[in-house]
PDB file of N, CA and C in Angstrom:
ATOM      1  N   ARG A   1       0.761  -1.243  -0.014  1.00  0.00           N
ATOM      2  CA  ARG A   1      -0.044   0.086   0.004  1.00  0.00           C
ATOM      3  C   ARG A   1       0.890   1.241  -0.002  1.00  0.00           C
ATOM      4  N   GLY A   2       2.061   1.154   0.538  1.00  0.00           N
ATOM      5  CA  GLY A   2       2.923   2.325   0.594  1.00  0.00           C
ATOM      6  C   GLY A   2       3.359   2.834  -0.821  1.00  0.00           C
ATOM      7  N   GLY A   3       3.309   1.965  -1.784  1.00  0.00           N
ATOM      8  CA  GLY A   3       3.720   2.301  -3.080  1.00  0.00           C
ATOM      9  C   GLY A   3       2.706   2.956  -3.875  1.00  0.00           C
ATOM     10  N   GLU A   4       1.491   3.079  -3.411  1.00  0.00           N
ATOM     11  CA  GLU A   4       0.374   3.692  -4.151  1.00  0.00           C
ATOM     12  C   GLU A   4       0.584   5.168  -4.454  1.00  0.00           C
ATOM     13  N   ARG A   5       0.304   5.449  -5.799  1.00  0.00           N
ATOM     14  CA  ARG A   5       0.620   6.800  -6.244  1.00  0.00           C
ATOM     15  C   ARG A   5      -0.678   7.315  -6.924  1.00  0.00           C
ATOM     16  N   ALA A   6      -0.792   8.611  -6.902  1.00  0.00           N
ATOM     17  CA  ALA A   6      -1.811   9.247  -7.611  1.00  0.00           C
ATOM     18  C   ALA A   6      -1.301  10.458  -8.359  1.00  0.00           C
ATOM     19  N   GLY A   7      -2.026  10.814  -9.433  1.00  0.00           N
ATOM     20  CA  GLY A   7      -1.746  12.055 -10.119  1.00  0.00           C
ATOM     21  C   GLY A   7      -2.969  13.012  -9.926  1.00  0.00           C
ATOM     22  N   ALA A   8      -2.667  14.290  -9.692  1.00  0.00           N
ATOM     23  CA  ALA A   8      -3.810  15.218  -9.473  1.00  0.00           C
ATOM     24  C   ALA A   8      -3.507  16.594  -9.830  1.00  0.00           C
ATOM     25  N   SER A   9      -4.434  17.314 -10.102  1.00  0.00           N
ATOM     26  CA  SER A   9      -4.351  18.836 -10.309  1.00  0.00           C
ATOM     27  C   SER A   9      -5.166  19.412  -9.230  1.00  0.00           C
ATOM     28  N   HIS A  10      -4.815  20.647  -8.901  1.00  0.00           N
ATOM     29  CA  HIS A  10      -5.737  21.326  -8.013  1.00  0.00           C
ATOM     30  C   HIS A  10      -5.738  22.786  -8.098  1.00  0.00           C
ATOM     31  N   ILE A  11      -6.829  23.430  -7.517  1.00  0.00           N
ATOM     32  CA  ILE A  11      -6.975  24.818  -7.523  1.00  0.00           C
ATOM     33  C   ILE A  11      -6.970  25.191  -6.065  1.00  0.00           C
ATOM     34  N   LEU A  12      -6.012  25.979  -5.604  1.00  0.00           N
ATOM     35  CA  LEU A  12      -5.975  26.400  -4.158  1.00  0.00           C
ATOM     36  C   LEU A  12      -6.501  27.804  -4.019  1.00  0.00           C
ATOM     37  N   ILE A  13      -7.356  28.042  -3.113  1.00  0.00           N
ATOM     38  CA  ILE A  13      -7.850  29.325  -2.747  1.00  0.00           C
ATOM     39  C   ILE A  13      -7.393  29.567  -1.295  1.00  0.00           C
ATOM     40  N   ALA A  14      -6.420  30.440  -1.211  1.00  0.00           N
ATOM     41  CA  ALA A  14      -5.795  30.729   0.167  1.00  0.00           C
ATOM     42  C   ALA A  14      -6.532  31.850   0.733  1.00  0.00           C
ATOM     43  N   TYR A  15      -6.234  32.079   2.081  1.00  0.00           N
ATOM     44  CA  TYR A  15      -6.803  33.233   2.749  1.00  0.00           C
ATOM     45  C   TYR A  15      -5.707  33.774   3.728  1.00  0.00           C
ATOM     46  N   GLN A  16      -5.985  34.940   4.144  1.00  0.00           N
ATOM     47  CA  GLN A  16      -5.053  35.612   5.082  1.00  0.00           C
ATOM     48  C   GLN A  16      -4.872  34.694   6.321  1.00  0.00           C
ATOM     49  N   GLY A  17      -3.604  34.427   6.759  1.00  0.00           N
ATOM     50  CA  GLY A  17      -3.236  33.620   7.794  1.00  0.00           C
ATOM     51  C   GLY A  17      -3.034  32.047   7.545  1.00  0.00           C
ATOM     52  N   ALA A  18      -3.311  31.737   6.282  1.00  0.00           N
ATOM     53  CA  ALA A  18      -3.168  30.245   5.905  1.00  0.00           C
ATOM     54  C   ALA A  18      -1.683  30.108   5.704  1.00  0.00           C
ATOM     55  N   THR A  19      -1.228  28.778   5.853  1.00  0.00           N
ATOM     56  CA  THR A  19       0.165  28.486   5.663  1.00  0.00           C
ATOM     57  C   THR A  19       0.758  29.001   4.310  1.00  0.00           C
ATOM     58  N   ARG A  20       1.932  29.614   4.295  1.00  0.00           N
ATOM     59  CA  ARG A  20       2.530  30.152   3.084  1.00  0.00           C
ATOM     60  C   ARG A  20       1.607  31.050   2.253  1.00  0.00           C
ATOM     61  N   SER A  21       0.603  31.580   2.785  1.00  0.00           N
ATOM     62  CA  SER A  21      -0.397  32.480   1.979  1.00  0.00           C
ATOM     63  C   SER A  21       0.049  33.900   2.022  1.00  0.00           C
ATOM     64  N   THR A  22      -0.057  34.498   0.797  1.00  0.00           N
ATOM     65  CA  THR A  22       0.050  35.996   0.665  1.00  0.00           C
ATOM     66  C   THR A  22      -1.252  36.570   0.408  1.00  0.00           C
ATOM     67  N   ALA A  23      -2.293  35.731   0.446  1.00  0.00           N
ATOM     68  CA  ALA A  23      -3.701  36.192   0.057  1.00  0.00           C
ATOM     69  C   ALA A  23      -4.180  37.172   1.169  1.00  0.00           C
ATOM     70  N   THR A  24      -5.092  38.061   0.857  1.00  0.00           N
ATOM     71  CA  THR A  24      -5.655  38.964   1.830  1.00  0.00           C
ATOM     72  C   THR A  24      -7.170  38.687   2.057  1.00  0.00           C
ATOM     73  N   ARG A  25      -7.707  37.847   1.270  1.00  0.00           N
ATOM     74  CA  ARG A  25      -9.131  37.549   1.532  1.00  0.00           C
ATOM     75  C   ARG A  25      -9.351  36.823   2.817  1.00  0.00           C
ATOM     76  N   SER A  26     -10.618  36.942   3.351  1.00  0.00           N
ATOM     77  CA  SER A  26     -10.923  36.255   4.558  1.00  0.00           C
ATOM     78  C   SER A  26     -11.151  34.761   4.348  1.00  0.00           C
ATOM     79  N   LYS A  27     -11.174  33.991   5.341  1.00  0.00           N
ATOM     80  CA  LYS A  27     -11.391  32.548   5.270  1.00  0.00           C
ATOM     81  C   LYS A  27     -12.784  32.249   4.655  1.00  0.00           C
ATOM     82  N   GLU A  28     -13.786  33.023   5.037  1.00  0.00           N
ATOM     83  CA  GLU A  28     -15.101  32.866   4.523  1.00  0.00           C
ATOM     84  C   GLU A  28     -15.093  33.173   3.013  1.00  0.00           C
ATOM     85  N   ASP A  29     -14.550  34.276   2.609  1.00  0.00           N
ATOM     86  CA  ASP A  29     -14.472  34.516   1.181  1.00  0.00           C
ATOM     87  C   ASP A  29     -13.751  33.528   0.409  1.00  0.00           C
ATOM     88  N   ALA A  30     -12.687  33.025   0.953  1.00  0.00           N
ATOM     89  CA  ALA A  30     -11.928  31.920   0.276  1.00  0.00           C
ATOM     90  C   ALA A  30     -12.801  30.740   0.080  1.00  0.00           C
ATOM     91  N   LYS A  31     -13.606  30.340   1.036  1.00  0.00           N
ATOM     92  CA  LYS A  31     -14.416  29.149   0.903  1.00  0.00           C
ATOM     93  C   LYS A  31     -15.470  29.336  -0.151  1.00  0.00           C
ATOM     94  N   LYS A  32     -16.055  30.549  -0.051  1.00  0.00           N
ATOM     95  CA  LYS A  32     -17.107  30.957  -1.066  1.00  0.00           C
ATOM     96  C   LYS A  32     -16.557  30.880  -2.550  1.00  0.00           C
ATOM     97  N   LEU A  33     -15.365  31.481  -2.721  1.00  0.00           N
ATOM     98  CA  LEU A  33     -14.741  31.415  -3.993  1.00  0.00           C
ATOM     99  C   LEU A  33     -14.327  30.099  -4.437  1.00  0.00           C
ATOM    100  N   ALA A  34     -13.893  29.131  -3.625  1.00  0.00           N
ATOM    101  CA  ALA A  34     -13.592  27.780  -3.947  1.00  0.00           C
ATOM    102  C   ALA A  34     -14.904  27.067  -4.296  1.00  0.00           C
ATOM    103  N   GLU A  35     -16.004  27.335  -3.606  1.00  0.00           N
ATOM    104  CA  GLU A  35     -17.313  26.693  -3.957  1.00  0.00           C
ATOM    105  C   GLU A  35     -17.793  27.185  -5.264  1.00  0.00           C
ATOM    106  N   GLN A  36     -17.626  28.469  -5.590  1.00  0.00           N
ATOM    107  CA  GLN A  36     -17.912  29.011  -6.926  1.00  0.00           C
ATOM    108  C   GLN A  36     -17.111  28.372  -8.051  1.00  0.00           C
ATOM    109  N   ILE A  37     -15.887  28.177  -7.806  1.00  0.00           N
ATOM    110  CA  ILE A  37     -14.965  27.594  -8.840  1.00  0.00           C
ATOM    111  C   ILE A  37     -15.375  26.110  -9.038  1.00  0.00           C
ATOM    112  N   LEU A  38     -15.596  25.376  -7.900  1.00  0.00           N
ATOM    113  CA  LEU A  38     -16.135  24.004  -8.034  1.00  0.00           C
ATOM    114  C   LEU A  38     -17.376  23.880  -8.850  1.00  0.00           C
ATOM    115  N   ALA A  39     -18.335  24.850  -8.709  1.00  0.00           N
ATOM    116  CA  ALA A  39     -19.583  24.856  -9.545  1.00  0.00           C
ATOM    117  C   ALA A  39     -19.191  25.067 -10.955  1.00  0.00           C
ATOM    118  N   ARG A  40     -18.220  25.830 -11.239  1.00  0.00           N
ATOM    119  CA  ARG A  40     -17.887  26.132 -12.640  1.00  0.00           C
ATOM    120  C   ARG A  40     -17.203  24.874 -13.230  1.00  0.00           C
ATOM    121  N   VAL A  41     -16.349  24.190 -12.522  1.00  0.00           N
ATOM    122  CA  VAL A  41     -15.754  22.931 -12.946  1.00  0.00           C
ATOM    123  C   VAL A  41     -16.888  21.887 -13.195  1.00  0.00           C
ATOM    124  N   ARG A  42     -17.733  21.819 -12.312  1.00  0.00           N
ATOM    125  CA  ARG A  42     -18.815  20.798 -12.464  1.00  0.00           C
ATOM    126  C   ARG A  42     -19.820  21.171 -13.644  1.00  0.00           C
ATOM    127  N   ALA A  43     -19.819  22.416 -13.984  1.00  0.00           N
ATOM    128  CA  ALA A  43     -20.687  22.945 -15.143  1.00  0.00           C
ATOM    129  C   ALA A  43     -19.899  22.730 -16.458  1.00  0.00           C
ATOM    130  N   GLY A  44     -18.679  22.131 -16.366  1.00  0.00           N
ATOM    131  CA  GLY A  44     -17.956  21.800 -17.699  1.00  0.00           C
ATOM    132  C   GLY A  44     -16.882  22.844 -17.970  1.00  0.00           C
ATOM    133  N   GLN A  45     -16.568  23.801 -17.144  1.00  0.00           N
ATOM    134  CA  GLN A  45     -15.508  24.693 -17.530  1.00  0.00           C
ATOM    135  C   GLN A  45     -14.171  24.058 -17.392  1.00  0.00           C
ATOM    136  N   ASP A  46     -13.200  24.467 -18.182  1.00  0.00           N
ATOM    137  CA  ASP A  46     -11.888  23.830 -18.165  1.00  0.00           C
ATOM    138  C   ASP A  46     -11.173  24.009 -16.869  1.00  0.00           C
ATOM    139  N   PHE A  47     -10.738  22.874 -16.206  1.00  0.00           N
ATOM    140  CA  PHE A  47     -10.160  22.937 -14.893  1.00  0.00           C
ATOM    141  C   PHE A  47      -8.817  23.627 -14.908  1.00  0.00           C
ATOM    142  N   GLY A  48      -7.968  23.299 -15.942  1.00  0.00           N
ATOM    143  CA  GLY A  48      -6.734  23.967 -16.077  1.00  0.00           C
ATOM    144  C   GLY A  48      -6.722  25.502 -16.236  1.00  0.00           C
ATOM    145  N   LYS A  49      -7.675  25.853 -17.091  1.00  0.00           N
ATOM    146  CA  LYS A  49      -7.898  27.352 -17.342  1.00  0.00           C
ATOM    147  C   LYS A  49      -8.308  27.994 -16.056  1.00  0.00           C
ATOM    148  N   LEU A  50      -9.188  27.369 -15.224  1.00  0.00           N
ATOM    149  CA  LEU A  50      -9.604  27.958 -13.878  1.00  0.00           C
ATOM    150  C   LEU A  50      -8.480  27.949 -13.006  1.00  0.00           C
ATOM    151  N   ALA A  51      -7.631  26.965 -12.954  1.00  0.00           N
ATOM    152  CA  ALA A  51      -6.404  26.859 -12.098  1.00  0.00           C
ATOM    153  C   ALA A  51      -5.498  27.993 -12.536  1.00  0.00           C
ATOM    154  N   THR A  52      -5.267  28.224 -13.740  1.00  0.00           N
ATOM    155  CA  THR A  52      -4.323  29.293 -14.160  1.00  0.00           C
ATOM    156  C   THR A  52      -4.794  30.700 -13.721  1.00  0.00           C
ATOM    157  N   GLU A  53      -6.169  30.772 -13.853  1.00  0.00           N
ATOM    158  CA  GLU A  53      -6.860  32.118 -13.519  1.00  0.00           C
ATOM    159  C   GLU A  53      -6.871  32.376 -12.036  1.00  0.00           C
ATOM    160  N   HIS A  54      -7.103  31.307 -11.256  1.00  0.00           N
ATOM    161  CA  HIS A  54      -7.584  31.509  -9.775  1.00  0.00           C
ATOM    162  C   HIS A  54      -6.558  31.033  -8.762  1.00  0.00           C
ATOM    163  N   SER A  55      -5.827  29.931  -9.038  1.00  0.00           N
ATOM    164  CA  SER A  55      -5.156  29.228  -7.986  1.00  0.00           C
ATOM    165  C   SER A  55      -4.071  30.125  -7.287  1.00  0.00           C
ATOM    166  N   ASP A  56      -3.966  29.924  -5.972  1.00  0.00           N
ATOM    167  CA  ASP A  56      -2.970  30.670  -5.162  1.00  0.00           C
ATOM    168  C   ASP A  56      -1.660  29.704  -4.980  1.00  0.00           C
ATOM    169  N   ASP A  57      -1.630  28.697  -5.698  1.00  0.00           N
ATOM    170  CA  ASP A  57      -0.359  27.855  -5.536  1.00  0.00           C
ATOM    171  C   ASP A  57       0.465  28.191  -6.831  1.00  0.00           C
ATOM    172  N   PRO A  58       1.527  28.948  -6.594  1.00  0.00           N
ATOM    173  CA  PRO A  58       2.303  29.513  -7.745  1.00  0.00           C
ATOM    174  C   PRO A  58       2.915  28.394  -8.577  1.00  0.00           C
ATOM    175  N   SER A  59       3.434  27.330  -8.067  1.00  0.00           N
ATOM    176  CA  SER A  59       4.095  26.301  -8.835  1.00  0.00           C
ATOM    177  C   SER A  59       3.058  25.485  -9.713  1.00  0.00           C
ATOM    178  N   ALA A  60       1.936  25.118  -9.022  1.00  0.00           N
ATOM    179  CA  ALA A  60       0.964  24.398  -9.766  1.00  0.00           C
ATOM    180  C   ALA A  60       0.207  25.324 -10.809  1.00  0.00           C
ATOM    181  N   LYS A  61       0.012  26.557 -10.403  1.00  0.00           N
ATOM    182  CA  LYS A  61      -0.621  27.481 -11.236  1.00  0.00           C
ATOM    183  C   LYS A  61       0.012  27.564 -12.699  1.00  0.00           C
ATOM    184  N   ALA A  62       1.391  27.530 -12.617  1.00  0.00           N
ATOM    185  CA  ALA A  62       2.114  27.636 -13.847  1.00  0.00           C
ATOM    186  C   ALA A  62       1.901  26.477 -14.705  1.00  0.00           C
ATOM    187  N   ARG A  63       1.514  25.360 -14.063  1.00  0.00           N
ATOM    188  CA  ARG A  63       1.227  24.087 -14.886  1.00  0.00           C
ATOM    189  C   ARG A  63      -0.306  23.770 -14.971  1.00  0.00           C
ATOM    190  N   ALA A  64      -1.122  24.829 -14.949  1.00  0.00           N
ATOM    191  CA  ALA A  64      -2.534  24.745 -15.048  1.00  0.00           C
ATOM    192  C   ALA A  64      -3.065  23.811 -13.868  1.00  0.00           C
ATOM    193  N   GLY A  65      -2.432  23.923 -12.722  1.00  0.00           N
ATOM    194  CA  GLY A  65      -2.922  23.171 -11.591  1.00  0.00           C
ATOM    195  C   GLY A  65      -2.300  21.775 -11.344  1.00  0.00           C
ATOM    196  N   ASP A  66      -1.470  21.353 -12.319  1.00  0.00           N
ATOM    197  CA  ASP A  66      -0.879  20.010 -12.233  1.00  0.00           C
ATOM    198  C   ASP A  66       0.077  19.867 -11.144  1.00  0.00           C
ATOM    199  N   LEU A  67      -0.105  18.807 -10.294  1.00  0.00           N
ATOM    200  CA  LEU A  67       0.834  18.534  -9.198  1.00  0.00           C
ATOM    201  C   LEU A  67       1.677  17.307  -9.540  1.00  0.00           C
ATOM    202  N   GLY A  68       1.438  16.720 -10.602  1.00  0.00           N
ATOM    203  CA  GLY A  68       2.209  15.474 -10.983  1.00  0.00           C
ATOM    204  C   GLY A  68       1.808  14.344 -10.073  1.00  0.00           C
ATOM    205  N   PHE A  69       2.711  13.401  -9.907  1.00  0.00           N
ATOM    206  CA  PHE A  69       2.458  12.194  -9.082  1.00  0.00           C
ATOM    207  C   PHE A  69       2.943  12.335  -7.623  1.00  0.00           C
ATOM    208  N   PHE A  70       2.207  11.749  -6.706  1.00  0.00           N
ATOM    209  CA  PHE A  70       2.652  11.696  -5.355  1.00  0.00           C
ATOM    210  C   PHE A  70       2.137  10.529  -4.623  1.00  0.00           C
ATOM    211  N   ASP A  71       2.762  10.123  -3.601  1.00  0.00           N
ATOM    212  CA  ASP A  71       2.145   8.992  -2.781  1.00  0.00           C
ATOM    213  C   ASP A  71       1.457   9.591  -1.554  1.00  0.00           C
ATOM    214  N   ARG A  72       0.752   8.675  -0.780  1.00  0.00           N
ATOM    215  CA  ARG A  72      -0.081   9.122   0.222  1.00  0.00           C
ATOM    216  C   ARG A  72       0.528  10.125   1.219  1.00  0.00           C
ATOM    217  N   THR A  73       1.913   9.944   1.450  1.00  0.00           N
ATOM    218  CA  THR A  73       2.539  10.843   2.406  1.00  0.00           C
ATOM    219  C   THR A  73       3.101  12.048   1.738  1.00  0.00           C
ATOM    220  N   GLY A  74       2.981  12.207   0.503  1.00  0.00           N
ATOM    221  CA  GLY A  74       3.571  13.324  -0.295  1.00  0.00           C
ATOM    222  C   GLY A  74       2.796  14.695  -0.125  1.00  0.00           C
ATOM    223  N   MET A  75       1.510  14.552   0.400  1.00  0.00           N
ATOM    224  CA  MET A  75       0.662  15.681   0.537  1.00  0.00           C
ATOM    225  C   MET A  75       0.071  15.609   1.984  1.00  0.00           C
ATOM    226  N   VAL A  76      -0.318  16.812   2.483  1.00  0.00           N
ATOM    227  CA  VAL A  76      -1.074  16.833   3.774  1.00  0.00           C
ATOM    228  C   VAL A  76      -2.215  15.808   3.711  1.00  0.00           C
ATOM    229  N   LYS A  77      -2.557  15.226   4.879  1.00  0.00           N
ATOM    230  CA  LYS A  77      -3.543  14.245   4.946  1.00  0.00           C
ATOM    231  C   LYS A  77      -4.906  14.415   4.393  1.00  0.00           C
ATOM    232  N   PRO A  78      -5.585  15.586   4.669  1.00  0.00           N
ATOM    233  CA  PRO A  78      -6.829  15.820   4.187  1.00  0.00           C
ATOM    234  C   PRO A  78      -6.795  15.890   2.577  1.00  0.00           C
ATOM    235  N   PHE A  79      -5.685  16.392   2.016  1.00  0.00           N
ATOM    236  CA  PHE A  79      -5.582  16.461   0.545  1.00  0.00           C
ATOM    237  C   PHE A  79      -5.371  15.081   0.062  1.00  0.00           C
ATOM    238  N   SER A  80      -4.477  14.253   0.563  1.00  0.00           N
ATOM    239  CA  SER A  80      -4.234  12.920   0.153  1.00  0.00           C
ATOM    240  C   SER A  80      -5.522  12.109   0.215  1.00  0.00           C
ATOM    241  N   ASP A  81      -6.115  12.107   1.428  1.00  0.00           N
ATOM    242  CA  ASP A  81      -7.323  11.407   1.575  1.00  0.00           C
ATOM    243  C   ASP A  81      -8.369  11.606   0.455  1.00  0.00           C
ATOM    244  N   ALA A  82      -8.613  12.920   0.137  1.00  0.00           N
ATOM    245  CA  ALA A  82      -9.474  13.360  -0.921  1.00  0.00           C
ATOM    246  C   ALA A  82      -9.024  12.934  -2.263  1.00  0.00           C
ATOM    247  N   ALA A  83      -7.757  13.138  -2.562  1.00  0.00           N
ATOM    248  CA  ALA A  83      -7.213  12.749  -3.921  1.00  0.00           C
ATOM    249  C   ALA A  83      -7.289  11.309  -4.175  1.00  0.00           C
ATOM    250  N   PHE A  84      -6.878  10.448  -3.121  1.00  0.00           N
ATOM    251  CA  PHE A  84      -6.985   8.954  -3.347  1.00  0.00           C
ATOM    252  C   PHE A  84      -8.326   8.410  -3.347  1.00  0.00           C
ATOM    253  N   ALA A  85      -9.257   9.069  -2.876  1.00  0.00           N
ATOM    254  CA  ALA A  85     -10.734   8.691  -2.890  1.00  0.00           C
ATOM    255  C   ALA A  85     -11.309   8.842  -4.170  1.00  0.00           C
ATOM    256  N   LEU A  86     -10.781   9.613  -5.057  1.00  0.00           N
ATOM    257  CA  LEU A  86     -11.339   9.892  -6.405  1.00  0.00           C
ATOM    258  C   LEU A  86     -10.818   8.874  -7.448  1.00  0.00           C
ATOM    259  N   LYS A  87     -11.626   8.762  -8.480  1.00  0.00           N
ATOM    260  CA  LYS A  87     -11.233   7.938  -9.687  1.00  0.00           C
ATOM    261  C   LYS A  87     -10.682   8.917 -10.550  1.00  0.00           C
ATOM    262  N   PRO A  88      -9.726   8.445 -11.481  1.00  0.00           N
ATOM    263  CA  PRO A  88      -9.269   9.485 -12.541  1.00  0.00           C
ATOM    264  C   PRO A  88     -10.344  10.121 -13.328  1.00  0.00           C
ATOM    265  N   GLY A  89     -10.265  11.470 -13.367  1.00  0.00           N
ATOM    266  CA  GLY A  89     -11.254  12.210 -14.013  1.00  0.00           C
ATOM    267  C   GLY A  89     -12.310  12.894 -13.103  1.00  0.00           C
ATOM    268  N   GLU A  90     -12.308  12.313 -11.822  1.00  0.00           N
ATOM    269  CA  GLU A  90     -13.293  12.926 -10.918  1.00  0.00           C
ATOM    270  C   GLU A  90     -12.738  14.073 -10.180  1.00  0.00           C
ATOM    271  N   VAL A  91     -13.641  14.923  -9.651  1.00  0.00           N
ATOM    272  CA  VAL A  91     -13.323  16.210  -8.965  1.00  0.00           C
ATOM    273  C   VAL A  91     -13.890  16.117  -7.530  1.00  0.00           C
ATOM    274  N   SER A  92     -13.078  16.517  -6.560  1.00  0.00           N
ATOM    275  CA  SER A  92     -13.518  16.531  -5.204  1.00  0.00           C
ATOM    276  C   SER A  92     -14.539  17.600  -4.836  1.00  0.00           C
ATOM    277  N   THR A  93     -15.031  17.564  -3.704  1.00  0.00           N
ATOM    278  CA  THR A  93     -15.825  18.647  -3.036  1.00  0.00           C
ATOM    279  C   THR A  93     -14.677  19.613  -2.659  1.00  0.00           C
ATOM    280  N   VAL A  94     -15.036  20.753  -1.997  1.00  0.00           N
ATOM    281  CA  VAL A  94     -14.038  21.624  -1.560  1.00  0.00           C
ATOM    282  C   VAL A  94     -13.313  21.009  -0.357  1.00  0.00           C
ATOM    283  N   VAL A  95     -12.015  20.862  -0.362  1.00  0.00           N
ATOM    284  CA  VAL A  95     -11.224  20.253   0.720  1.00  0.00           C
ATOM    285  C   VAL A  95     -10.401  21.334   1.503  1.00  0.00           C
ATOM    286  N   GLU A  96     -10.574  21.301   2.830  1.00  0.00           N
ATOM    287  CA  GLU A  96      -9.758  22.409   3.516  1.00  0.00           C
ATOM    288  C   GLU A  96      -8.566  21.758   4.095  1.00  0.00           C
ATOM    289  N   THR A  97      -7.394  22.490   3.944  1.00  0.00           N
ATOM    290  CA  THR A  97      -6.191  22.162   4.555  1.00  0.00           C
ATOM    291  C   THR A  97      -5.562  23.410   5.207  1.00  0.00           C
ATOM    292  N   GLY A  98      -4.499  23.315   5.810  1.00  0.00           N
ATOM    293  CA  GLY A  98      -3.778  24.533   6.441  1.00  0.00           C
ATOM    294  C   GLY A  98      -3.313  25.611   5.403  1.00  0.00           C
ATOM    295  N   PHE A  99      -3.387  25.120   4.107  1.00  0.00           N
ATOM    296  CA  PHE A  99      -2.961  26.104   3.045  1.00  0.00           C
ATOM    297  C   PHE A  99      -4.208  26.882   2.466  1.00  0.00           C
ATOM    298  N   GLY A 100      -5.439  26.432   2.840  1.00  0.00           N
ATOM    299  CA  GLY A 100      -6.696  27.084   2.255  1.00  0.00           C
ATOM    300  C   GLY A 100      -7.590  25.932   1.848  1.00  0.00           C
ATOM    301  N   PHE A 101      -8.314  26.322   0.809  1.00  0.00           N
ATOM    302  CA  PHE A 101      -9.477  25.519   0.283  1.00  0.00           C
ATOM    303  C   PHE A 101      -9.008  24.972  -1.145  1.00  0.00           C
ATOM    304  N   HIS A 102      -9.144  23.688  -1.399  1.00  0.00           N
ATOM    305  CA  HIS A 102      -8.682  23.153  -2.586  1.00  0.00           C
ATOM    306  C   HIS A 102      -9.912  22.536  -3.315  1.00  0.00           C
ATOM    307  N   VAL A 103      -9.805  22.608  -4.673  1.00  0.00           N
ATOM    308  CA  VAL A 103     -10.636  21.871  -5.561  1.00  0.00           C
ATOM    309  C   VAL A 103      -9.719  20.850  -6.218  1.00  0.00           C
ATOM    310  N   ILE A 104      -9.827  19.631  -6.098  1.00  0.00           N
ATOM    311  CA  ILE A 104      -8.885  18.597  -6.538  1.00  0.00           C
ATOM    312  C   ILE A 104      -9.437  17.768  -7.698  1.00  0.00           C
ATOM    313  N   LYS A 105      -8.681  17.605  -8.743  1.00  0.00           N
ATOM    314  CA  LYS A 105      -9.057  16.710  -9.909  1.00  0.00           C
ATOM    315  C   LYS A 105      -8.040  15.623  -9.905  1.00  0.00           C
ATOM    316  N   ARG A 106      -8.475  14.425  -9.823  1.00  0.00           N
ATOM    317  CA  ARG A 106      -7.657  13.236  -9.892  1.00  0.00           C
ATOM    318  C   ARG A 106      -7.288  13.025 -11.432  1.00  0.00           C
ATOM    319  N   THR A 107      -6.135  12.996 -11.819  1.00  0.00           N
ATOM    320  CA  THR A 107      -5.732  12.887 -13.164  1.00  0.00           C
ATOM    321  C   THR A 107      -5.304  11.422 -13.589  1.00  0.00           C
ATOM    322  N   GLU A 108      -4.701  10.696 -12.611  1.00  0.00           N
ATOM    323  CA  GLU A 108      -4.223   9.350 -12.957  1.00  0.00           C
ATOM    324  C   GLU A 108      -4.314   8.487 -11.663  1.00  0.00           C
TER     325      GLU A 108
END
């Protein structure tokens, strides 16, 4: 089980006070924005384009949200749990971590 790997993309909406965040929005505003972005993804809008436009993760933003491959310990637990629960092509609900609110798409 330790060798299990996933590929995923994400859109991070950070807020003031979150880990490594430079965002100035409130936690409530961040959650609202993440929920709006999730609704847009579910309505068929392009995940990568939304990530490029909105994500607060600079390294993933440059790759349209792509995080590449990681194992279960490669990400914080709430993120890993959500990513590994998805099938490729599926999108999570809004997931909260210390970094902010994520919309996660399992890619592989």
